[in-house]
Amino acid sequence: MSQNTKQGKTPEQRKAEREALLTTLGEKVATLASSAEWVNYLRFMTALRRYSFNNLMLIAVQCPHATQVAGFRKWQQLGRQVRKGEKAIKILGYSTKKVTKTDPATGEEIEDRVTRFPVLSVFDLSQTDGDPNPTTTYTLPTGDGPAGTLDRLIGWLTSEGWTVKEEALAGGLEGYTDHTRHLIVTKTDLEPAARLVVLLHETAHALLHVNDAEYVAHRGLCETEAESTAYVLANLLGIDVDASSISYIAGWSNAKPDVLTAAATNVLRAVNTIAAALGLDEDERAGEEANAA
């Protein structure tokens, strides 16, 4: 008689599966220590930014072409069916369980919550058949960039206490952020779409780099985080910035895996904060990834 356990697996099997995923994760993070792999990661983040860094890495290893992932039942709710025989993509979830414990000091029973990171199964859009893919892609105008986005970004920054202005800047400088004066400046002669990309870069500095001394001490890291944030957001908005962004990211080759992990997490946090401010999340479907690890 088979053992009746969740997902048909014993606790030991589930633990082993999770440990294997963490090993895979570590190996994938190590490959990011090159400019090409970092850019590939940013492109992946553009499609799947609502997932955590850890789960982005796990999805990238198991399904490099993934563009939209969801659980088996979630796809059914969206009018699509996972094809028979498709191999699930394994990611790490997050949940808590209420438990009752005895307080050793008083002998009284107390309630506590235990955190768990179960292994979840998801599938990419390419593994499903059914109704046309429900998308949240923006329809953007050509030429001047997405209509109203620049104004929305400036309005949000102003509401957060930043002064945004244009100045004539020399020496090829297109913009800068002054934390002391809470000031963000962009060059006066930039086209609207270009100014938006520069402002996205400077907004990332405003969010991630809390003072000017930090920037001076870690300029390479700060510039890479800021441009990586601008790169992802620009692509979300339909603006091609490969030519201008790759030069910033190319200096990443000597980064250590633990630094890469921290930087990638910072970029993801900044992207999601700015995207929410721009209203990019307003029509986003509720997904199982909300509580992903």
Protein backbone atom coordinates (compact mmCIF):
# COMPACT_ATOMS: atom_id res chain seq x y z
CA MET A 1 0.00 0.00 0.00
CA SER A 2 1.47 3.40 -0.99
CA GLN A 3 2.12 6.00 1.64
CA ASN A 4 -0.40 8.84 1.55
CA THR A 5 1.72 12.01 1.76
CA LYS A 6 1.44 15.43 0.18
CA GLN A 7 2.54 15.31 -3.47
CA GLY A 8 3.14 11.56 -2.97
CA LYS A 9 6.54 12.23 -1.38
CA THR A 10 7.95 11.61 2.06
CA PRO A 11 9.30 14.50 4.18
CA GLU A 12 12.81 13.19 3.48
CA GLN A 13 12.20 13.26 -0.27
CA ARG A 14 10.85 16.80 -0.12
CA LYS A 15 13.86 17.90 1.94
CA ALA A 16 16.25 16.32 -0.54
CA GLU A 17 14.47 18.01 -3.43
CA ARG A 18 14.74 21.40 -1.76
CA GLU A 19 18.44 20.89 -1.00
CA ALA A 20 19.04 19.96 -4.63
CA LEU A 21 17.32 23.17 -5.74
CA LEU A 22 19.50 25.24 -3.41
CA THR A 23 22.62 23.59 -4.84
CA THR A 24 21.45 24.38 -8.35
CA LEU A 25 20.74 27.94 -7.28
CA GLY A 26 24.29 28.42 -5.99
CA GLU A 27 25.76 27.10 -9.23
CA LYS A 28 23.58 29.42 -11.31
CA VAL A 29 24.45 32.50 -9.25
CA ALA A 30 28.14 31.81 -9.86
CA THR A 31 27.59 32.04 -13.64
CA LEU A 32 26.35 35.62 -13.29
CA ALA A 33 29.91 36.83 -12.78
CA SER A 34 30.20 37.88 -16.42
CA SER A 35 28.61 40.75 -18.29
CA ALA A 36 26.85 38.46 -20.77
CA GLU A 37 25.23 36.32 -18.09
CA TRP A 38 24.20 39.40 -16.11
CA VAL A 39 22.45 40.90 -19.14
CA ASN A 40 20.72 37.57 -19.78
CA TYR A 41 19.50 37.64 -16.19
CA LEU A 42 18.12 41.16 -16.62
CA ARG A 43 16.24 40.11 -19.74
CA PHE A 44 14.80 37.20 -17.80
CA MET A 45 13.80 39.52 -14.96
CA THR A 46 11.94 41.71 -17.43
CA ALA A 47 9.56 38.86 -18.22
CA LEU A 48 9.27 37.39 -14.72
CA ARG A 49 10.04 40.25 -12.33
CA ARG A 50 7.35 39.33 -9.79
CA TYR A 51 9.41 36.34 -8.71
CA SER A 52 12.23 36.50 -6.19
CA PHE A 53 15.86 36.40 -7.25
CA ASN A 54 16.19 32.81 -6.04
CA ASN A 55 13.20 31.63 -8.04
CA LEU A 56 14.26 33.59 -11.12
CA MET A 57 17.52 31.66 -11.04
CA LEU A 58 15.76 28.32 -10.59
CA ILE A 59 13.36 29.03 -13.46
CA ALA A 60 16.26 30.13 -15.68
CA VAL A 61 18.11 26.87 -15.06
CA GLN A 62 15.12 24.63 -15.75
CA CYS A 63 13.39 26.61 -18.53
CA PRO A 64 15.66 29.29 -20.07
CA HIS A 65 13.00 30.39 -22.57
CA ALA A 66 10.30 30.96 -19.91
CA THR A 67 8.16 34.08 -20.29
CA GLN A 68 5.20 33.46 -17.95
CA VAL A 69 4.87 30.73 -15.35
CA ALA A 70 2.00 29.59 -13.13
CA GLY A 71 0.80 26.52 -11.29
CA PHE A 72 -1.29 23.76 -12.88
CA ARG A 73 -4.62 25.01 -11.49
CA LYS A 74 -3.76 28.65 -12.16
CA TRP A 75 -3.33 27.86 -15.86
CA GLN A 76 -6.72 26.14 -15.81
CA GLN A 77 -8.27 29.29 -14.33
CA LEU A 78 -6.73 31.24 -17.21
CA GLY A 79 -8.31 28.90 -19.74
CA ARG A 80 -5.19 26.93 -20.55
CA GLN A 81 -4.17 23.35 -19.84
CA VAL A 82 -0.70 22.01 -19.13
CA ARG A 83 0.10 19.44 -21.81
CA LYS A 84 0.40 15.83 -20.71
CA GLY A 85 3.99 14.81 -20.10
CA GLU A 86 5.34 18.34 -19.53
CA LYS A 87 8.01 18.48 -16.83
CA ALA A 88 7.25 20.88 -13.97
CA ILE A 89 9.58 23.74 -13.09
CA LYS A 90 10.47 23.50 -9.41
CA ILE A 91 10.65 26.68 -7.32
CA LEU A 92 10.67 27.51 -3.60
CA GLY A 93 7.45 28.68 -1.99
CA TYR A 94 6.79 30.31 1.34
CA SER A 95 4.20 29.47 3.99
CA THR A 96 3.68 29.47 7.72
CA LYS A 97 2.00 26.88 9.92
CA LYS A 98 0.37 27.54 13.27
CA VAL A 99 1.67 25.25 16.03
CA THR A 100 0.99 24.96 19.74
CA LYS A 101 3.95 24.84 22.09
CA THR A 102 4.39 24.57 25.83
CA ASP A 103 6.19 27.49 27.42
CA PRO A 104 9.03 25.87 29.44
CA ALA A 105 8.99 28.71 31.96
CA THR A 106 5.25 28.78 32.73
CA GLY A 107 4.00 25.44 31.46
CA GLU A 108 1.29 27.25 29.53
CA GLU A 109 0.42 26.43 25.94
CA ILE A 110 1.28 29.18 23.47
CA GLU A 111 0.67 29.56 19.76
CA ASP A 112 3.56 30.05 17.39
CA ARG A 113 4.12 30.01 13.65
CA VAL A 114 6.70 27.91 11.89
CA THR A 115 8.08 29.15 8.56
CA ARG A 116 8.32 26.65 5.74
CA PHE A 117 9.75 26.78 2.21
CA PRO A 118 7.96 24.03 0.28
CA VAL A 119 8.97 23.04 -3.23
CA LEU A 120 6.29 24.18 -5.70
CA SER A 121 5.62 23.07 -9.27
CA VAL A 122 4.95 25.64 -11.98
CA PHE A 123 4.79 25.52 -15.78
CA ASP A 124 5.71 28.00 -18.50
CA LEU A 125 3.22 29.31 -21.03
CA SER A 126 4.99 27.28 -23.72
CA GLN A 127 4.02 24.09 -21.87
CA THR A 128 0.29 24.83 -22.13
CA ASP A 129 -2.48 24.86 -24.72
CA GLY A 130 -5.77 26.75 -24.74
CA ASP A 131 -7.08 30.29 -24.83
CA PRO A 132 -4.82 33.07 -26.10
CA ASN A 133 -2.34 34.23 -23.51
CA PRO A 134 -3.89 36.96 -21.33
CA THR A 135 -1.22 39.65 -21.37
CA THR A 136 -0.53 42.87 -19.53
CA THR A 137 1.83 44.25 -22.17
CA TYR A 138 1.68 48.02 -22.54
CA THR A 139 0.91 49.45 -25.97
CA LEU A 140 3.46 52.22 -26.27
CA PRO A 141 3.74 55.09 -28.78
CA THR A 142 6.86 55.39 -30.90
CA GLY A 143 9.19 58.35 -31.01
CA ASP A 144 8.83 60.19 -27.72
CA GLY A 145 8.44 57.17 -25.45
CA PRO A 146 5.35 56.04 -23.56
CA ALA A 147 2.86 58.88 -23.22
CA GLY A 148 2.59 60.30 -19.72
CA THR A 149 5.20 58.01 -18.17
CA LEU A 150 7.83 60.70 -17.77
CA ASP A 151 5.34 62.99 -16.04
CA ARG A 152 4.17 60.17 -13.76
CA LEU A 153 7.72 59.37 -12.74
CA ILE A 154 8.51 63.02 -12.01
CA GLY A 155 5.25 63.38 -10.10
CA TRP A 156 6.01 60.34 -7.96
CA LEU A 157 9.57 61.48 -7.22
CA THR A 158 8.23 64.90 -6.22
CA SER A 159 5.71 63.28 -3.87
CA GLU A 160 8.62 61.36 -2.31
CA GLY A 161 10.42 64.61 -1.53
CA TRP A 162 12.79 64.82 -4.50
CA THR A 163 13.29 67.89 -6.67
CA VAL A 164 13.60 66.96 -10.36
CA LYS A 165 15.01 69.51 -12.78
CA GLU A 166 16.93 69.94 -16.02
CA GLU A 167 20.33 71.60 -16.30
CA ALA A 168 22.97 72.11 -18.99
CA LEU A 169 25.50 69.41 -18.10
CA ALA A 170 29.02 69.16 -19.52
CA GLY A 171 31.46 66.32 -20.08
CA GLY A 172 29.00 63.81 -21.45
CA LEU A 173 27.07 63.70 -18.16
CA GLU A 174 23.39 62.96 -18.77
CA GLY A 175 22.15 63.13 -15.20
CA TYR A 176 23.06 62.92 -11.52
CA THR A 177 21.51 62.39 -8.09
CA ASP A 178 22.39 64.55 -5.09
CA HIS A 179 21.23 62.86 -1.88
CA THR A 180 22.27 65.80 0.31
CA ARG A 181 19.94 68.19 -1.50
CA HIS A 182 17.41 65.52 -2.44
CA LEU A 183 17.91 66.59 -6.05
CA ILE A 184 17.79 64.67 -9.33
CA VAL A 185 19.05 66.44 -12.45
CA THR A 186 18.86 65.43 -16.12
CA LYS A 187 20.50 67.09 -19.10
CA THR A 188 18.44 69.81 -20.79
CA ASP A 189 18.71 68.67 -24.41
CA LEU A 190 17.56 65.05 -23.99
CA GLU A 191 14.65 63.73 -26.06
CA PRO A 192 11.64 62.67 -23.91
CA ALA A 193 12.31 58.92 -24.21
CA ALA A 194 16.00 59.42 -23.48
CA ARG A 195 15.21 61.63 -20.49
CA LEU A 196 12.89 58.95 -19.16
CA VAL A 197 15.63 56.31 -19.32
CA VAL A 198 18.13 58.61 -17.63
CA LEU A 199 15.59 59.47 -14.96
CA LEU A 200 14.89 55.77 -14.36
CA HIS A 201 18.63 55.31 -13.80
CA GLU A 202 18.80 58.23 -11.37
CA THR A 203 15.65 57.07 -9.58
CA ALA A 204 17.37 53.76 -8.91
CA HIS A 205 20.27 55.69 -7.35
CA ALA A 206 17.76 57.60 -5.21
CA LEU A 207 16.16 54.37 -3.97
CA LEU A 208 19.20 52.15 -3.56
CA HIS A 209 22.13 54.38 -2.64
CA VAL A 210 21.32 56.26 0.50
CA ASN A 211 24.12 58.81 0.45
CA ASP A 212 26.79 60.24 -1.81
CA ALA A 213 29.66 58.77 0.24
CA GLU A 214 28.35 55.26 -0.48
CA TYR A 215 28.31 56.06 -4.18
CA VAL A 216 31.91 57.30 -4.16
CA ALA A 217 33.11 54.21 -2.28
CA HIS A 218 31.29 51.72 -4.50
CA ARG A 219 30.80 53.56 -7.77
CA GLY A 220 31.06 50.51 -10.06
CA LEU A 221 28.50 48.55 -8.07
CA CYS A 222 26.13 51.52 -7.76
CA GLU A 223 26.28 52.31 -11.48
CA THR A 224 25.65 48.68 -12.39
CA GLU A 225 22.63 48.47 -10.06
CA ALA A 226 21.19 51.73 -11.37
CA GLU A 227 21.67 50.93 -15.05
CA SER A 228 20.41 47.37 -14.56
CA THR A 229 17.23 48.80 -13.00
CA ALA A 230 16.81 51.25 -15.89
CA TYR A 231 17.44 48.45 -18.38
CA VAL A 232 14.67 46.24 -17.01
CA LEU A 233 12.14 49.07 -16.65
CA ALA A 234 12.88 50.46 -20.12
CA ASN A 235 12.27 47.03 -21.63
CA LEU A 236 9.04 46.73 -19.66
CA LEU A 237 8.03 50.04 -21.23
CA GLY A 238 8.99 48.92 -24.74
CA ILE A 239 12.15 51.03 -25.05
CA ASP A 240 15.25 49.38 -26.53
CA VAL A 241 18.26 50.41 -24.43
CA ASP A 242 20.72 47.60 -25.17
CA ALA A 243 23.28 49.85 -26.85
CA SER A 244 23.49 52.30 -23.95
CA SER A 245 23.18 49.85 -21.08
CA ILE A 246 25.66 47.11 -21.96
CA SER A 247 28.67 49.38 -21.47
CA TYR A 248 27.65 50.00 -17.85
CA ILE A 249 27.10 46.35 -17.13
CA ALA A 250 30.29 45.09 -18.80
CA GLY A 251 32.42 45.92 -15.76
CA TRP A 252 30.73 43.22 -13.71
CA SER A 253 33.16 40.39 -14.50
CA ASN A 254 35.03 40.37 -11.18
CA ALA A 255 32.00 40.38 -8.87
CA LYS A 256 31.66 37.61 -6.27
CA PRO A 257 28.51 35.44 -6.11
CA ASP A 258 27.41 36.85 -2.74
CA VAL A 259 27.78 40.41 -4.04
CA LEU A 260 25.89 39.47 -7.20
CA THR A 261 23.05 38.05 -5.17
CA ALA A 262 22.76 41.24 -3.11
CA ALA A 263 22.93 43.43 -6.21
CA ALA A 264 20.33 41.40 -8.09
CA THR A 265 18.00 41.59 -5.11
CA ASN A 266 18.48 45.37 -4.98
CA VAL A 267 17.71 45.70 -8.70
CA LEU A 268 14.57 43.60 -8.37
CA ARG A 269 13.39 45.68 -5.40
CA ALA A 270 13.98 48.96 -7.25
CA VAL A 271 12.30 47.70 -10.41
CA ASN A 272 9.17 46.65 -8.55
CA THR A 273 9.01 49.90 -6.54
CA ILE A 274 9.32 52.11 -9.63
CA ALA A 275 7.00 49.91 -11.70
CA ALA A 276 4.32 50.26 -9.03
CA ALA A 277 4.80 54.03 -9.01
CA LEU A 278 4.36 54.11 -12.80
CA GLY A 279 1.17 52.05 -12.61
CA LEU A 280 2.65 49.05 -14.41
CA ASP A 281 1.14 46.71 -11.82
CA GLU A 282 -2.42 48.00 -11.89
CA ASP A 283 -3.73 45.26 -14.21
CA GLU A 284 -1.34 42.54 -13.17
CA ARG A 285 -2.97 39.20 -12.48
CA ALA A 286 -2.85 37.81 -8.96
CA GLY A 287 -0.44 34.87 -9.12
CA GLU A 288 0.86 32.11 -6.97
CA GLU A 289 4.25 33.79 -6.99
CA ALA A 290 3.17 36.50 -4.52
CA ASN A 291 4.49 34.48 -1.62
CA ALA A 292 7.44 32.91 -3.45
CA ALA A 293 10.66 32.75 -1.51
